[in-house]
Amino acid sequence: MPRGSPTITALRVLTALAVALAAMCAFLAWQWKTERDRADCWRAYAEFQLQPEGNCGT
């Protein structure tokens, strides 16, 4: 296959797309965990009238 063949170009584009999607998934998983922890803090504050540790991430 020549260097500039459409197959190689398509493969590079799909690889870049897969890497971008993996990075997005990792970021969203991290954000999900952060928001879940923040919600747990506020839930404990509301249910048990506890003082939030710090500021519950706000």
Protein backbone atom coordinates (compact mmCIF):
# COMPACT_ATOMS: atom_id res chain seq x y z
CA MET A 1 0.00 0.00 0.00
CA PRO A 2 1.30 3.45 -0.86
CA ARG A 3 1.87 5.89 1.99
CA GLY A 4 -1.14 8.10 1.23
CA SER A 5 -3.66 5.34 0.53
CA PRO A 6 -7.26 5.88 1.65
CA THR A 7 -7.10 2.76 3.83
CA ILE A 8 -4.22 4.11 5.92
CA THR A 9 -5.88 7.52 6.18
CA ALA A 10 -9.16 5.98 7.31
CA LEU A 11 -7.33 3.84 9.85
CA ARG A 12 -5.55 6.88 11.28
CA VAL A 13 -8.81 8.82 11.51
CA LEU A 14 -10.56 5.94 13.27
CA THR A 15 -7.64 5.51 15.67
CA ALA A 16 -7.71 9.20 16.54
CA LEU A 17 -11.48 8.99 17.05
CA ALA A 18 -11.11 5.96 19.35
CA VAL A 19 -8.45 7.73 21.43
CA ALA A 20 -10.61 10.85 21.71
CA LEU A 21 -13.63 8.80 22.82
CA ALA A 22 -11.54 6.94 25.40
CA ALA A 23 -10.30 10.23 26.83
CA MET A 24 -13.85 11.57 26.98
CA CYS A 25 -15.03 8.43 28.78
CA ALA A 26 -12.24 8.72 31.34
CA PHE A 27 -13.06 12.37 31.98
CA LEU A 28 -16.78 11.64 32.34
CA ALA A 29 -16.09 8.77 34.77
CA TRP A 30 -13.95 11.09 36.90
CA GLN A 31 -16.63 13.80 36.85
CA TRP A 32 -19.33 11.25 37.75
CA LYS A 33 -17.34 10.15 40.80
CA THR A 34 -16.71 13.74 41.87
CA GLU A 35 -20.38 14.68 41.63
CA ARG A 36 -21.48 11.49 43.40
CA ASP A 37 -19.11 12.25 46.29
CA ARG A 38 -20.43 15.80 46.46
CA ALA A 39 -24.02 14.56 46.49
CA ASP A 40 -23.20 12.09 49.29
CA CYS A 41 -21.81 14.94 51.36
CA TRP A 42 -24.92 17.07 50.91
CA ARG A 43 -27.21 14.07 51.49
CA ALA A 44 -25.56 13.38 54.86
CA TYR A 45 -25.85 17.07 55.73
CA ALA A 46 -29.57 17.13 54.87
CA GLU A 47 -30.55 13.79 56.44
CA PHE A 48 -28.58 13.95 59.66
CA GLN A 49 -28.17 17.71 60.12
CA LEU A 50 -24.40 17.24 60.07
CA GLN A 51 -21.97 19.99 59.34
CA PRO A 52 -20.52 19.42 55.89
CA GLU A 53 -16.83 18.64 55.79
CA GLY A 54 -15.29 21.72 54.26
CA ASN A 55 -17.90 23.03 51.89
CA CYS A 56 -19.11 19.80 50.21
CA GLY A 57 -17.12 20.64 47.10
CA THR A 58 -18.86 23.85 46.11
